[in-house]
Amino acid sequence: MRTPPAPRPHQLDAYVVDTLMADLCGHDRRPSAFLVYLCLACEAQRRRQDAVPLSLQEIATRTGLAKSTVQAAVRHLKRRGLLDADVEATTTAPLRRVVAPWRSG
């Protein structure tokens, strides 16, 4: 039996922890949205691209959230401009594009 490779560390913008976490969890009262954003941002970094092909069920499994909670979190992140609302995820192409608006300033 092969041992899985050791996980690589992720580098997050300080903004994600210092500001976005408090904003989504405290102000918006949507900690699930923060978890989903974190999951997608880490996967985007792992793949070295800003769009990740993760289905709602895959996100739910990775975060420990219910699929319906993930759906609501994705909608909230799109309204907040943290996921690209122009990229439509489908069952056959579950693509989600992570946005970091604080970088574009």
PDB file of N, CA and C in Angstrom:
ATOM      1  N   MET A   1       0.837  -1.183   0.000  1.00  0.00           N
ATOM      2  CA  MET A   1       0.000   0.000   0.000  1.00  0.00           C
ATOM      3  C   MET A   1       0.876   1.238   0.000  1.00  0.00           C
ATOM      4  N   ARG A   2       0.566   2.127  -0.937  1.00  0.00           N
ATOM      5  CA  ARG A   2       1.359   3.347  -1.068  1.00  0.00           C
ATOM      6  C   ARG A   2       0.926   4.399  -0.060  1.00  0.00           C
ATOM      7  N   THR A   3       1.893   5.115   0.447  1.00  0.00           N
ATOM      8  CA  THR A   3       1.607   6.217   1.356  1.00  0.00           C
ATOM      9  C   THR A   3       1.290   7.445   0.514  1.00  0.00           C
ATOM     10  N   PRO A   4       0.181   8.138   0.819  1.00  0.00           N
ATOM     11  CA  PRO A   4      -0.135   9.342   0.035  1.00  0.00           C
ATOM     12  C   PRO A   4       0.929  10.410   0.248  1.00  0.00           C
ATOM     13  N   PRO A   5       1.137  11.246  -0.759  1.00  0.00           N
ATOM     14  CA  PRO A   5       2.148  12.302  -0.609  1.00  0.00           C
ATOM     15  C   PRO A   5       1.747  13.280   0.494  1.00  0.00           C
ATOM     16  N   ALA A   6       2.751  13.847   1.125  1.00  0.00           N
ATOM     17  CA  ALA A   6       2.504  14.836   2.178  1.00  0.00           C
ATOM     18  C   ALA A   6       1.844  16.064   1.572  1.00  0.00           C
ATOM     19  N   PRO A   7       0.854  16.630   2.258  1.00  0.00           N
ATOM     20  CA  PRO A   7       0.204  17.831   1.718  1.00  0.00           C
ATOM     21  C   PRO A   7       1.174  19.000   1.671  1.00  0.00           C
ATOM     22  N   ARG A   8       1.043  19.773   0.597  1.00  0.00           N
ATOM     23  CA  ARG A   8       1.878  20.963   0.466  1.00  0.00           C
ATOM     24  C   ARG A   8       1.199  22.124   1.180  1.00  0.00           C
ATOM     25  N   PRO A   9       1.990  22.997   1.787  1.00  0.00           N
ATOM     26  CA  PRO A   9       1.381  24.160   2.454  1.00  0.00           C
ATOM     27  C   PRO A   9       0.819  25.140   1.426  1.00  0.00           C
ATOM     28  N   HIS A  10      -0.211  25.856   1.838  1.00  0.00           N
ATOM     29  CA  HIS A  10      -0.818  26.880   0.994  1.00  0.00           C
ATOM     30  C   HIS A  10      -0.438  28.245   1.526  1.00  0.00           C
ATOM     31  N   GLN A  11      -0.330  29.184   0.620  1.00  0.00           N
ATOM     32  CA  GLN A  11      -0.099  30.563   1.015  1.00  0.00           C
ATOM     33  C   GLN A  11      -1.361  31.340   0.706  1.00  0.00           C
ATOM     34  N   LEU A  12      -1.940  31.929   1.728  1.00  0.00           N
ATOM     35  CA  LEU A  12      -3.126  32.755   1.555  1.00  0.00           C
ATOM     36  C   LEU A  12      -2.747  34.215   1.709  1.00  0.00           C
ATOM     37  N   ASP A  13      -3.439  35.060   0.970  1.00  0.00           N
ATOM     38  CA  ASP A  13      -3.273  36.490   1.195  1.00  0.00           C
ATOM     39  C   ASP A  13      -3.693  36.786   2.630  1.00  0.00           C
ATOM     40  N   ALA A  14      -2.976  37.658   3.290  1.00  0.00           N
ATOM     41  CA  ALA A  14      -3.325  38.037   4.657  1.00  0.00           C
ATOM     42  C   ALA A  14      -4.750  38.582   4.704  1.00  0.00           C
ATOM     43  N   TYR A  15      -5.184  39.204   3.623  1.00  0.00           N
ATOM     44  CA  TYR A  15      -6.537  39.764   3.545  1.00  0.00           C
ATOM     45  C   TYR A  15      -7.600  38.696   3.799  1.00  0.00           C
ATOM     46  N   VAL A  16      -7.373  37.485   3.309  1.00  0.00           N
ATOM     47  CA  VAL A  16      -8.357  36.405   3.458  1.00  0.00           C
ATOM     48  C   VAL A  16      -8.627  36.126   4.928  1.00  0.00           C
ATOM     49  N   VAL A  17      -7.582  36.058   5.732  1.00  0.00           N
ATOM     50  CA  VAL A  17      -7.744  35.757   7.157  1.00  0.00           C
ATOM     51  C   VAL A  17      -8.055  37.016   7.961  1.00  0.00           C
ATOM     52  N   ASP A  18      -7.370  38.098   7.682  1.00  0.00           N
ATOM     53  CA  ASP A  18      -7.518  39.313   8.482  1.00  0.00           C
ATOM     54  C   ASP A  18      -8.831  40.050   8.244  1.00  0.00           C
ATOM     55  N   THR A  19      -9.335  40.031   7.037  1.00  0.00           N
ATOM     56  CA  THR A  19     -10.514  40.825   6.707  1.00  0.00           C
ATOM     57  C   THR A  19     -11.690  39.984   6.222  1.00  0.00           C
ATOM     58  N   LEU A  20     -11.446  39.131   5.229  1.00  0.00           N
ATOM     59  CA  LEU A  20     -12.533  38.373   4.627  1.00  0.00           C
ATOM     60  C   LEU A  20     -13.209  37.429   5.617  1.00  0.00           C
ATOM     61  N   MET A  21     -12.423  36.769   6.479  1.00  0.00           N
ATOM     62  CA  MET A  21     -13.006  35.861   7.455  1.00  0.00           C
ATOM     63  C   MET A  21     -13.971  36.602   8.379  1.00  0.00           C
ATOM     64  N   ALA A  22     -13.555  37.727   8.911  1.00  0.00           N
ATOM     65  CA  ALA A  22     -14.424  38.505   9.799  1.00  0.00           C
ATOM     66  C   ALA A  22     -15.645  39.027   9.053  1.00  0.00           C
ATOM     67  N   ASP A  23     -15.451  39.412   7.807  1.00  0.00           N
ATOM     68  CA  ASP A  23     -16.547  39.954   7.011  1.00  0.00           C
ATOM     69  C   ASP A  23     -17.603  38.886   6.708  1.00  0.00           C
ATOM     70  N   LEU A  24     -17.166  37.725   6.214  1.00  0.00           N
ATOM     71  CA  LEU A  24     -18.119  36.675   5.862  1.00  0.00           C
ATOM     72  C   LEU A  24     -18.714  35.992   7.100  1.00  0.00           C
ATOM     73  N   CYS A  25     -17.880  35.722   8.089  1.00  0.00           N
ATOM     74  CA  CYS A  25     -18.364  35.002   9.283  1.00  0.00           C
ATOM     75  C   CYS A  25     -19.091  35.919  10.262  1.00  0.00           C
ATOM     76  N   GLY A  26     -18.553  37.104  10.482  1.00  0.00           N
ATOM     77  CA  GLY A  26     -19.142  38.012  11.452  1.00  0.00           C
ATOM     78  C   GLY A  26     -20.225  38.900  10.875  1.00  0.00           C
ATOM     79  N   HIS A  27     -19.864  39.714   9.910  1.00  0.00           N
ATOM     80  CA  HIS A  27     -20.808  40.680   9.341  1.00  0.00           C
ATOM     81  C   HIS A  27     -21.935  39.995   8.570  1.00  0.00           C
ATOM     82  N   ASP A  28     -21.578  39.107   7.635  1.00  0.00           N
ATOM     83  CA  ASP A  28     -22.588  38.435   6.812  1.00  0.00           C
ATOM     84  C   ASP A  28     -23.228  37.235   7.513  1.00  0.00           C
ATOM     85  N   ARG A  29     -22.589  36.763   8.559  1.00  0.00           N
ATOM     86  CA  ARG A  29     -23.039  35.556   9.276  1.00  0.00           C
ATOM     87  C   ARG A  29     -23.161  34.362   8.341  1.00  0.00           C
ATOM     88  N   ARG A  30     -22.143  34.193   7.528  1.00  0.00           N
ATOM     89  CA  ARG A  30     -22.079  33.095   6.557  1.00  0.00           C
ATOM     90  C   ARG A  30     -20.727  32.390   6.651  1.00  0.00           C
ATOM     91  N   PRO A  31     -20.453  31.740   7.770  1.00  0.00           N
ATOM     92  CA  PRO A  31     -19.159  31.039   7.864  1.00  0.00           C
ATOM     93  C   PRO A  31     -19.015  29.958   6.798  1.00  0.00           C
ATOM     94  N   SER A  32     -20.123  29.415   6.331  1.00  0.00           N
ATOM     95  CA  SER A  32     -20.050  28.404   5.274  1.00  0.00           C
ATOM     96  C   SER A  32     -19.483  29.018   3.994  1.00  0.00           C
ATOM     97  N   ALA A  33     -19.810  30.270   3.715  1.00  0.00           N
ATOM     98  CA  ALA A  33     -19.275  30.941   2.529  1.00  0.00           C
ATOM     99  C   ALA A  33     -17.763  31.088   2.647  1.00  0.00           C
ATOM    100  N   PHE A  34     -17.272  31.371   3.852  1.00  0.00           N
ATOM    101  CA  PHE A  34     -15.829  31.472   4.048  1.00  0.00           C
ATOM    102  C   PHE A  34     -15.163  30.129   3.795  1.00  0.00           C
ATOM    103  N   LEU A  35     -15.753  29.044   4.324  1.00  0.00           N
ATOM    104  CA  LEU A  35     -15.185  27.709   4.113  1.00  0.00           C
ATOM    105  C   LEU A  35     -15.158  27.336   2.635  1.00  0.00           C
ATOM    106  N   VAL A  36     -16.222  27.642   1.926  1.00  0.00           N
ATOM    107  CA  VAL A  36     -16.279  27.331   0.497  1.00  0.00           C
ATOM    108  C   VAL A  36     -15.241  28.161  -0.261  1.00  0.00           C
ATOM    109  N   TYR A  37     -15.131  29.442   0.058  1.00  0.00           N
ATOM    110  CA  TYR A  37     -14.129  30.287  -0.603  1.00  0.00           C
ATOM    111  C   TYR A  37     -12.729  29.745  -0.327  1.00  0.00           C
ATOM    112  N   LEU A  38     -12.467  29.384   0.913  1.00  0.00           N
ATOM    113  CA  LEU A  38     -11.162  28.850   1.288  1.00  0.00           C
ATOM    114  C   LEU A  38     -10.857  27.562   0.527  1.00  0.00           C
ATOM    115  N   CYS A  39     -11.836  26.688   0.418  1.00  0.00           N
ATOM    116  CA  CYS A  39     -11.685  25.433  -0.318  1.00  0.00           C
ATOM    117  C   CYS A  39     -11.347  25.702  -1.779  1.00  0.00           C
ATOM    118  N   LEU A  40     -12.096  26.595  -2.407  1.00  0.00           N
ATOM    119  CA  LEU A  40     -11.878  26.904  -3.819  1.00  0.00           C
ATOM    120  C   LEU A  40     -10.560  27.641  -4.045  1.00  0.00           C
ATOM    121  N   ALA A  41     -10.223  28.553  -3.154  1.00  0.00           N
ATOM    122  CA  ALA A  41      -8.970  29.302  -3.293  1.00  0.00           C
ATOM    123  C   ALA A  41      -7.759  28.369  -3.156  1.00  0.00           C
ATOM    124  N   CYS A  42      -7.820  27.450  -2.224  1.00  0.00           N
ATOM    125  CA  CYS A  42      -6.718  26.489  -2.048  1.00  0.00           C
ATOM    126  C   CYS A  42      -6.597  25.566  -3.258  1.00  0.00           C
ATOM    127  N   GLU A  43      -7.726  25.122  -3.785  1.00  0.00           N
ATOM    128  CA  GLU A  43      -7.690  24.258  -4.970  1.00  0.00           C
ATOM    129  C   GLU A  43      -7.160  25.028  -6.177  1.00  0.00           C
ATOM    130  N   ALA A  44      -7.541  26.289  -6.307  1.00  0.00           N
ATOM    131  CA  ALA A  44      -7.031  27.114  -7.404  1.00  0.00           C
ATOM    132  C   ALA A  44      -5.516  27.268  -7.291  1.00  0.00           C
ATOM    133  N   GLN A  45      -5.037  27.462  -6.075  1.00  0.00           N
ATOM    134  CA  GLN A  45      -3.597  27.593  -5.866  1.00  0.00           C
ATOM    135  C   GLN A  45      -2.899  26.270  -6.182  1.00  0.00           C
ATOM    136  N   ARG A  46      -3.484  25.169  -5.751  1.00  0.00           N
ATOM    137  CA  ARG A  46      -2.912  23.856  -6.008  1.00  0.00           C
ATOM    138  C   ARG A  46      -2.782  23.594  -7.513  1.00  0.00           C
ATOM    139  N   ARG A  47      -3.809  23.993  -8.258  1.00  0.00           N
ATOM    140  CA  ARG A  47      -3.823  23.766  -9.708  1.00  0.00           C
ATOM    141  C   ARG A  47      -3.121  24.877 -10.487  1.00  0.00           C
ATOM    142  N   ARG A  48      -2.767  25.958  -9.782  1.00  0.00           N
ATOM    143  CA  ARG A  48      -2.114  27.121 -10.402  1.00  0.00           C
ATOM    144  C   ARG A  48      -2.962  27.729 -11.515  1.00  0.00           C
ATOM    145  N   GLN A  49      -4.246  27.850 -11.219  1.00  0.00           N
ATOM    146  CA  GLN A  49      -5.183  28.511 -12.128  1.00  0.00           C
ATOM    147  C   GLN A  49      -6.302  29.104 -11.282  1.00  0.00           C
ATOM    148  N   ASP A  50      -7.022  30.076 -11.815  1.00  0.00           N
ATOM    149  CA  ASP A  50      -8.057  30.725 -11.016  1.00  0.00           C
ATOM    150  C   ASP A  50      -9.422  30.052 -11.136  1.00  0.00           C
ATOM    151  N   ALA A  51      -9.587  29.142 -12.090  1.00  0.00           N
ATOM    152  CA  ALA A  51     -10.854  28.425 -12.236  1.00  0.00           C
ATOM    153  C   ALA A  51     -10.649  26.963 -11.863  1.00  0.00           C
ATOM    154  N   VAL A  52     -11.526  26.454 -11.024  1.00  0.00           N
ATOM    155  CA  VAL A  52     -11.380  25.076 -10.566  1.00  0.00           C
ATOM    156  C   VAL A  52     -12.627  24.258 -10.901  1.00  0.00           C
ATOM    157  N   PRO A  53     -12.437  23.033 -11.371  1.00  0.00           N
ATOM    158  CA  PRO A  53     -13.566  22.178 -11.737  1.00  0.00           C
ATOM    159  C   PRO A  53     -14.021  21.291 -10.585  1.00  0.00           C
ATOM    160  N   LEU A  54     -14.602  21.896  -9.558  1.00  0.00           N
ATOM    161  CA  LEU A  54     -15.109  21.122  -8.425  1.00  0.00           C
ATOM    162  C   LEU A  54     -16.635  21.171  -8.419  1.00  0.00           C
ATOM    163  N   SER A  55     -17.255  20.021  -8.312  1.00  0.00           N
ATOM    164  CA  SER A  55     -18.713  19.971  -8.231  1.00  0.00           C
ATOM    165  C   SER A  55     -19.148  20.398  -6.833  1.00  0.00           C
ATOM    166  N   LEU A  56     -20.431  20.686  -6.697  1.00  0.00           N
ATOM    167  CA  LEU A  56     -20.977  21.041  -5.382  1.00  0.00           C
ATOM    168  C   LEU A  56     -20.747  19.906  -4.395  1.00  0.00           C
ATOM    169  N   GLN A  57     -20.915  18.663  -4.853  1.00  0.00           N
ATOM    170  CA  GLN A  57     -20.727  17.511  -3.968  1.00  0.00           C
ATOM    171  C   GLN A  57     -19.273  17.388  -3.524  1.00  0.00           C
ATOM    172  N   GLU A  58     -18.325  17.652  -4.430  1.00  0.00           N
ATOM    173  CA  GLU A  58     -16.912  17.607  -4.053  1.00  0.00           C
ATOM    174  C   GLU A  58     -16.589  18.682  -3.013  1.00  0.00           C
ATOM    175  N   ILE A  59     -17.129  19.868  -3.203  1.00  0.00           N
ATOM    176  CA  ILE A  59     -16.908  20.945  -2.235  1.00  0.00           C
ATOM    177  C   ILE A  59     -17.526  20.568  -0.901  1.00  0.00           C
ATOM    178  N   ALA A  60     -18.734  20.001  -0.944  1.00  0.00           N
ATOM    179  CA  ALA A  60     -19.412  19.581   0.288  1.00  0.00           C
ATOM    180  C   ALA A  60     -18.584  18.535   1.031  1.00  0.00           C
ATOM    181  N   THR A  61     -18.042  17.582   0.308  1.00  0.00           N
ATOM    182  CA  THR A  61     -17.230  16.533   0.929  1.00  0.00           C
ATOM    183  C   THR A  61     -15.965  17.116   1.551  1.00  0.00           C
ATOM    184  N   ARG A  62     -15.327  18.025   0.839  1.00  0.00           N
ATOM    185  CA  ARG A  62     -14.082  18.619   1.346  1.00  0.00           C
ATOM    186  C   ARG A  62     -14.299  19.520   2.553  1.00  0.00           C
ATOM    187  N   THR A  63     -15.429  20.214   2.597  1.00  0.00           N
ATOM    188  CA  THR A  63     -15.674  21.165   3.691  1.00  0.00           C
ATOM    189  C   THR A  63     -16.474  20.568   4.840  1.00  0.00           C
ATOM    190  N   GLY A  64     -17.142  19.440   4.600  1.00  0.00           N
ATOM    191  CA  GLY A  64     -17.996  18.853   5.624  1.00  0.00           C
ATOM    192  C   GLY A  64     -19.361  19.508   5.704  1.00  0.00           C
ATOM    193  N   LEU A  65     -19.696  20.304   4.702  1.00  0.00           N
ATOM    194  CA  LEU A  65     -20.991  20.984   4.663  1.00  0.00           C
ATOM    195  C   LEU A  65     -21.982  20.175   3.837  1.00  0.00           C
ATOM    196  N   ALA A  66     -23.261  20.449   4.016  1.00  0.00           N
ATOM    197  CA  ALA A  66     -24.295  19.840   3.188  1.00  0.00           C
ATOM    198  C   ALA A  66     -24.249  20.474   1.801  1.00  0.00           C
ATOM    199  N   LYS A  67     -24.645  19.718   0.799  1.00  0.00           N
ATOM    200  CA  LYS A  67     -24.625  20.221  -0.577  1.00  0.00           C
ATOM    201  C   LYS A  67     -25.490  21.473  -0.719  1.00  0.00           C
ATOM    202  N   SER A  68     -26.647  21.508  -0.064  1.00  0.00           N
ATOM    203  CA  SER A  68     -27.517  22.690  -0.138  1.00  0.00           C
ATOM    204  C   SER A  68     -26.858  23.909   0.511  1.00  0.00           C
ATOM    205  N   THR A  69     -26.083  23.685   1.556  1.00  0.00           N
ATOM    206  CA  THR A  69     -25.350  24.777   2.208  1.00  0.00           C
ATOM    207  C   THR A  69     -24.268  25.309   1.274  1.00  0.00           C
ATOM    208  N   VAL A  70     -23.613  24.412   0.549  1.00  0.00           N
ATOM    209  CA  VAL A  70     -22.595  24.816  -0.419  1.00  0.00           C
ATOM    210  C   VAL A  70     -23.246  25.635  -1.534  1.00  0.00           C
ATOM    211  N   GLN A  71     -24.421  25.206  -2.011  1.00  0.00           N
ATOM    212  CA  GLN A  71     -25.131  25.951  -3.051  1.00  0.00           C
ATOM    213  C   GLN A  71     -25.429  27.375  -2.595  1.00  0.00           C
ATOM    214  N   ALA A  72     -25.923  27.509  -1.373  1.00  0.00           N
ATOM    215  CA  ALA A  72     -26.237  28.834  -0.835  1.00  0.00           C
ATOM    216  C   ALA A  72     -24.959  29.669  -0.681  1.00  0.00           C
ATOM    217  N   ALA A  73     -23.879  29.035  -0.249  1.00  0.00           N
ATOM    218  CA  ALA A  73     -22.611  29.748  -0.079  1.00  0.00           C
ATOM    219  C   ALA A  73     -22.075  30.231  -1.426  1.00  0.00           C
ATOM    220  N   VAL A  74     -22.176  29.401  -2.457  1.00  0.00           N
ATOM    221  CA  VAL A  74     -21.721  29.791  -3.798  1.00  0.00           C
ATOM    222  C   VAL A  74     -22.527  30.984  -4.297  1.00  0.00           C
ATOM    223  N   ARG A  75     -23.841  30.952  -4.091  1.00  0.00           N
ATOM    224  CA  ARG A  75     -24.674  32.097  -4.500  1.00  0.00           C
ATOM    225  C   ARG A  75     -24.238  33.369  -3.770  1.00  0.00           C
ATOM    226  N   HIS A  76     -23.979  33.253  -2.474  1.00  0.00           N
ATOM    227  CA  HIS A  76     -23.559  34.407  -1.679  1.00  0.00           C
ATOM    228  C   HIS A  76     -22.201  34.932  -2.162  1.00  0.00           C
ATOM    229  N   LEU A  77     -21.270  34.035  -2.433  1.00  0.00           N
ATOM    230  CA  LEU A  77     -19.945  34.453  -2.905  1.00  0.00           C
ATOM    231  C   LEU A  77     -20.032  35.136  -4.266  1.00  0.00           C
ATOM    232  N   LYS A  78     -20.940  34.692  -5.108  1.00  0.00           N
ATOM    233  CA  LYS A  78     -21.135  35.355  -6.398  1.00  0.00           C
ATOM    234  C   LYS A  78     -21.701  36.752  -6.206  1.00  0.00           C
ATOM    235  N   ARG A  79     -22.687  36.889  -5.298  1.00  0.00           N
ATOM    236  CA  ARG A  79     -23.250  38.228  -5.021  1.00  0.00           C
ATOM    237  C   ARG A  79     -22.193  39.163  -4.462  1.00  0.00           C
ATOM    238  N   ARG A  80     -21.293  38.628  -3.658  1.00  0.00           N
ATOM    239  CA  ARG A  80     -20.230  39.440  -3.051  1.00  0.00           C
ATOM    240  C   ARG A  80     -19.073  39.707  -4.010  1.00  0.00           C
ATOM    241  N   GLY A  81     -19.070  39.086  -5.179  1.00  0.00           N
ATOM    242  CA  GLY A  81     -18.002  39.291  -6.147  1.00  0.00           C
ATOM    243  C   GLY A  81     -16.747  38.490  -5.861  1.00  0.00           C
ATOM    244  N   LEU A  82     -16.869  37.444  -5.056  1.00  0.00           N
ATOM    245  CA  LEU A  82     -15.714  36.613  -4.719  1.00  0.00           C
ATOM    246  C   LEU A  82     -15.608  35.379  -5.605  1.00  0.00           C
ATOM    247  N   LEU A  83     -16.676  35.068  -6.304  1.00  0.00           N
ATOM    248  CA  LEU A  83     -16.674  34.068  -7.376  1.00  0.00           C
ATOM    249  C   LEU A  83     -17.224  34.762  -8.606  1.00  0.00           C
ATOM    250  N   ASP A  84     -16.660  34.459  -9.750  1.00  0.00           N
ATOM    251  CA  ASP A  84     -17.081  35.085 -10.999  1.00  0.00           C
ATOM    252  C   ASP A  84     -18.480  34.614 -11.360  1.00  0.00           C
ATOM    253  N   ALA A  85     -19.446  35.526 -11.348  1.00  0.00           N
ATOM    254  CA  ALA A  85     -20.841  35.192 -11.645  1.00  0.00           C
ATOM    255  C   ALA A  85     -21.054  34.914 -13.128  1.00  0.00           C
ATOM    256  N   ASP A  86     -20.117  35.329 -13.974  1.00  0.00           N
ATOM    257  CA  ASP A  86     -20.250  35.097 -15.410  1.00  0.00           C
ATOM    258  C   ASP A  86     -19.884  33.668 -15.815  1.00  0.00           C
ATOM    259  N   VAL A  87     -19.207  32.948 -14.930  1.00  0.00           N
ATOM    260  CA  VAL A  87     -18.832  31.568 -15.219  1.00  0.00           C
ATOM    261  C   VAL A  87     -19.941  30.669 -14.679  1.00  0.00           C
ATOM    262  N   GLU A  88     -20.660  30.039 -15.591  1.00  0.00           N
ATOM    263  CA  GLU A  88     -21.775  29.166 -15.209  1.00  0.00           C
ATOM    264  C   GLU A  88     -21.291  27.734 -15.065  1.00  0.00           C
ATOM    265  N   ALA A  89     -21.423  27.197 -13.868  1.00  0.00           N
ATOM    266  CA  ALA A  89     -21.067  25.806 -13.624  1.00  0.00           C
ATOM    267  C   ALA A  89     -22.242  24.922 -14.033  1.00  0.00           C
ATOM    268  N   THR A  90     -21.934  23.851 -14.716  1.00  0.00           N
ATOM    269  CA  THR A  90     -22.951  22.872 -15.095  1.00  0.00           C
ATOM    270  C   THR A  90     -22.576  21.521 -14.499  1.00  0.00           C
ATOM    271  N   THR A  91     -23.448  20.569 -14.631  1.00  0.00           N
ATOM    272  CA  THR A  91     -23.170  19.235 -14.111  1.00  0.00           C
ATOM    273  C   THR A  91     -21.958  18.627 -14.810  1.00  0.00           C
ATOM    274  N   THR A  92     -21.864  18.820 -16.109  1.00  0.00           N
ATOM    275  CA  THR A  92     -20.748  18.244 -16.858  1.00  0.00           C
ATOM    276  C   THR A  92     -19.482  19.098 -16.799  1.00  0.00           C
ATOM    277  N   ALA A  93     -19.628  20.373 -16.508  1.00  0.00           N
ATOM    278  CA  ALA A  93     -18.475  21.280 -16.402  1.00  0.00           C
ATOM    279  C   ALA A  93     -18.624  22.152 -15.160  1.00  0.00           C
ATOM    280  N   PRO A  94     -18.324  21.592 -13.983  1.00  0.00           N
ATOM    281  CA  PRO A  94     -18.510  22.342 -12.732  1.00  0.00           C
ATOM    282  C   PRO A  94     -17.373  23.315 -12.448  1.00  0.00           C
ATOM    283  N   LEU A  95     -17.245  24.320 -13.294  1.00  0.00           N
ATOM    284  CA  LEU A  95     -16.135  25.260 -13.197  1.00  0.00           C
ATOM    285  C   LEU A  95     -16.525  26.466 -12.342  1.00  0.00           C
ATOM    286  N   ARG A  96     -15.668  26.827 -11.412  1.00  0.00           N
ATOM    287  CA  ARG A  96     -15.893  27.996 -10.568  1.00  0.00           C
ATOM    288  C   ARG A  96     -14.609  28.820 -10.575  1.00  0.00           C
ATOM    289  N   ARG A  97     -14.758  30.118 -10.868  1.00  0.00           N
ATOM    290  CA  ARG A  97     -13.585  31.008 -10.951  1.00  0.00           C
ATOM    291  C   ARG A  97     -13.504  31.863  -9.689  1.00  0.00           C
ATOM    292  N   VAL A  98     -12.401  31.701  -8.980  1.00  0.00           N
ATOM    293  CA  VAL A  98     -12.159  32.444  -7.745  1.00  0.00           C
ATOM    294  C   VAL A  98     -11.685  33.853  -8.085  1.00  0.00           C
ATOM    295  N   VAL A  99     -12.236  34.847  -7.400  1.00  0.00           N
ATOM    296  CA  VAL A  99     -11.886  36.250  -7.621  1.00  0.00           C
ATOM    297  C   VAL A  99     -11.300  36.815  -6.324  1.00  0.00           C
ATOM    298  N   ALA A 100     -10.277  37.608  -6.454  1.00  0.00           N
ATOM    299  CA  ALA A 100      -9.663  38.298  -5.311  1.00  0.00           C
ATOM    300  C   ALA A 100      -9.675  39.786  -5.609  1.00  0.00           C
ATOM    301  N   PRO A 101     -10.812  40.466  -5.392  1.00  0.00           N
ATOM    302  CA  PRO A 101     -10.940  41.876  -5.790  1.00  0.00           C
ATOM    303  C   PRO A 101      -9.956  42.804  -5.065  1.00  0.00           C
ATOM    304  N   TRP A 102      -9.460  42.434  -3.918  1.00  0.00           N
ATOM    305  CA  TRP A 102      -8.524  43.283  -3.193  1.00  0.00           C
ATOM    306  C   TRP A 102      -7.177  43.372  -3.911  1.00  0.00           C
ATOM    307  N   ARG A 103      -6.887  42.426  -4.799  1.00  0.00           N
ATOM    308  CA  ARG A 103      -5.628  42.459  -5.558  1.00  0.00           C
ATOM    309  C   ARG A 103      -5.669  43.422  -6.734  1.00  0.00           C
ATOM    310  N   SER A 104      -6.858  43.666  -7.264  1.00  0.00           N
ATOM    311  CA  SER A 104      -6.953  44.468  -8.487  1.00  0.00           C
ATOM    312  C   SER A 104      -6.878  45.971  -8.235  1.00  0.00           C
ATOM    313  N   GLY A 105      -6.807  46.385  -6.981  1.00  0.00           N
ATOM    314  CA  GLY A 105      -6.790  47.798  -6.661  1.00  0.00           C
ATOM    315  C   GLY A 105      -5.518  48.410  -7.003  1.00  0.00           C
TER     316      GLY A 105
END
